């Protein structure tokens, strides 16, 4: 892992403030989506979907015992996605 300290910060705060390959972002738990959007003045008639990067693999993620193992898995997954040319 290139920067384990930053990976831990990302996991702990949800704030990605060092854009390199993707835009600056703020990650929230699905329960926080509607309150976050509505705090910006948006109206939410219905939240129809909100999936994280490990959706469908929660059982495997929950087996991980160390936070860095999880961060490494997420970063490996991100790096494996083909980039548009």
Protein backbone atom coordinates (compact mmCIF):
# COMPACT_ATOMS: atom_id res chain seq x y z
CA UNK A 1 0.00 0.00 0.00
CA UNK A 2 1.44 3.35 -1.06
CA UNK A 3 -0.02 5.48 1.73
CA UNK A 4 -1.53 3.58 4.66
CA UNK A 5 -1.94 6.74 6.74
CA UNK A 6 -4.14 8.33 4.08
CA UNK A 7 -6.10 5.08 3.67
CA UNK A 8 -6.87 5.12 7.39
CA UNK A 9 -7.90 8.80 7.22
CA UNK A 10 -10.25 7.97 4.34
CA UNK A 11 -11.79 5.09 6.27
CA UNK A 12 -12.14 7.10 9.47
CA UNK A 13 -13.45 10.38 8.06
CA UNK A 14 -14.94 9.47 4.68
CA UNK A 15 -13.20 12.49 3.16
CA UNK A 16 -11.06 12.03 0.04
CA UNK A 17 -9.20 15.33 -0.21
CA UNK A 18 -6.24 14.31 -2.35
CA UNK A 19 -7.69 13.80 -5.81
CA UNK A 20 -5.36 11.94 -8.11
CA UNK A 21 -7.26 9.53 -10.32
CA UNK A 22 -10.76 10.55 -9.36
CA UNK A 23 -12.46 13.68 -8.16
CA UNK A 24 -12.51 15.04 -4.64
CA UNK A 25 -15.25 13.20 -2.82
CA UNK A 26 -17.01 12.71 0.50
CA UNK A 27 -18.16 9.21 1.34
CA UNK A 28 -21.11 8.60 3.65
CA UNK A 29 -22.91 5.65 5.14
CA UNK A 30 -26.16 4.90 3.26
CA UNK A 31 -28.14 6.13 6.28
CA UNK A 32 -26.49 9.55 5.83
CA UNK A 33 -27.37 10.07 2.14
CA UNK A 34 -30.83 11.64 2.53
CA UNK A 35 -29.88 13.94 5.44
CA UNK A 36 -26.74 15.05 3.56
CA UNK A 37 -28.64 15.82 0.36
CA UNK A 38 -31.44 17.59 2.20
CA UNK A 39 -28.93 19.67 4.18
CA UNK A 40 -27.97 21.13 0.77
CA UNK A 41 -31.57 22.14 0.09
CA UNK A 42 -32.49 19.17 -2.08
CA UNK A 43 -35.77 17.29 -1.70
CA UNK A 44 -35.71 13.48 -1.60
CA UNK A 45 -38.99 11.93 -2.78
CA UNK A 46 -37.47 8.44 -2.48
CA UNK A 47 -34.02 6.95 -2.13
CA UNK A 48 -34.05 4.11 -4.64
CA UNK A 49 -30.49 2.92 -4.37
CA UNK A 50 -27.16 3.46 -2.71
CA UNK A 51 -24.41 0.91 -3.16
CA UNK A 52 -20.88 0.95 -1.86
CA UNK A 53 -17.77 -0.51 -3.45
CA UNK A 54 -18.18 -3.78 -1.56
CA UNK A 55 -21.91 -4.25 -2.19
CA UNK A 56 -22.62 -7.94 -2.52
CA UNK A 57 -19.41 -8.91 -0.73
CA UNK A 58 -20.23 -7.79 2.79
CA UNK A 59 -19.80 -11.27 4.24
CA UNK A 60 -16.19 -11.44 3.05
CA UNK A 61 -15.45 -7.88 4.17
CA UNK A 62 -16.88 -8.60 7.61
CA UNK A 63 -14.43 -11.47 7.96
CA UNK A 64 -11.47 -9.10 7.75
CA UNK A 65 -9.96 -8.49 11.13
CA UNK A 66 -7.68 -5.54 10.45
CA UNK A 67 -8.66 -2.14 9.05
CA UNK A 68 -5.59 -2.00 6.83
CA UNK A 69 -6.54 -5.28 5.19
CA UNK A 70 -9.87 -3.69 4.25
CA UNK A 71 -8.18 -0.53 2.95
CA UNK A 72 -5.77 -2.58 0.85
CA UNK A 73 -8.67 -4.58 -0.62
CA UNK A 74 -10.57 -1.40 -1.56
CA UNK A 75 -7.50 0.20 -3.11
CA UNK A 76 -6.68 -2.98 -5.07
CA UNK A 77 -10.23 -3.02 -6.40
CA UNK A 78 -10.01 0.63 -7.40
CA UNK A 79 -6.73 0.07 -9.21
CA UNK A 80 -8.15 -2.91 -11.11
CA UNK A 81 -10.89 -0.85 -12.79
CA UNK A 82 -10.01 0.01 -16.42
CA UNK A 83 -9.56 3.73 -17.00
CA UNK A 84 -11.21 5.48 -19.96
CA UNK A 85 -8.81 6.47 -22.68
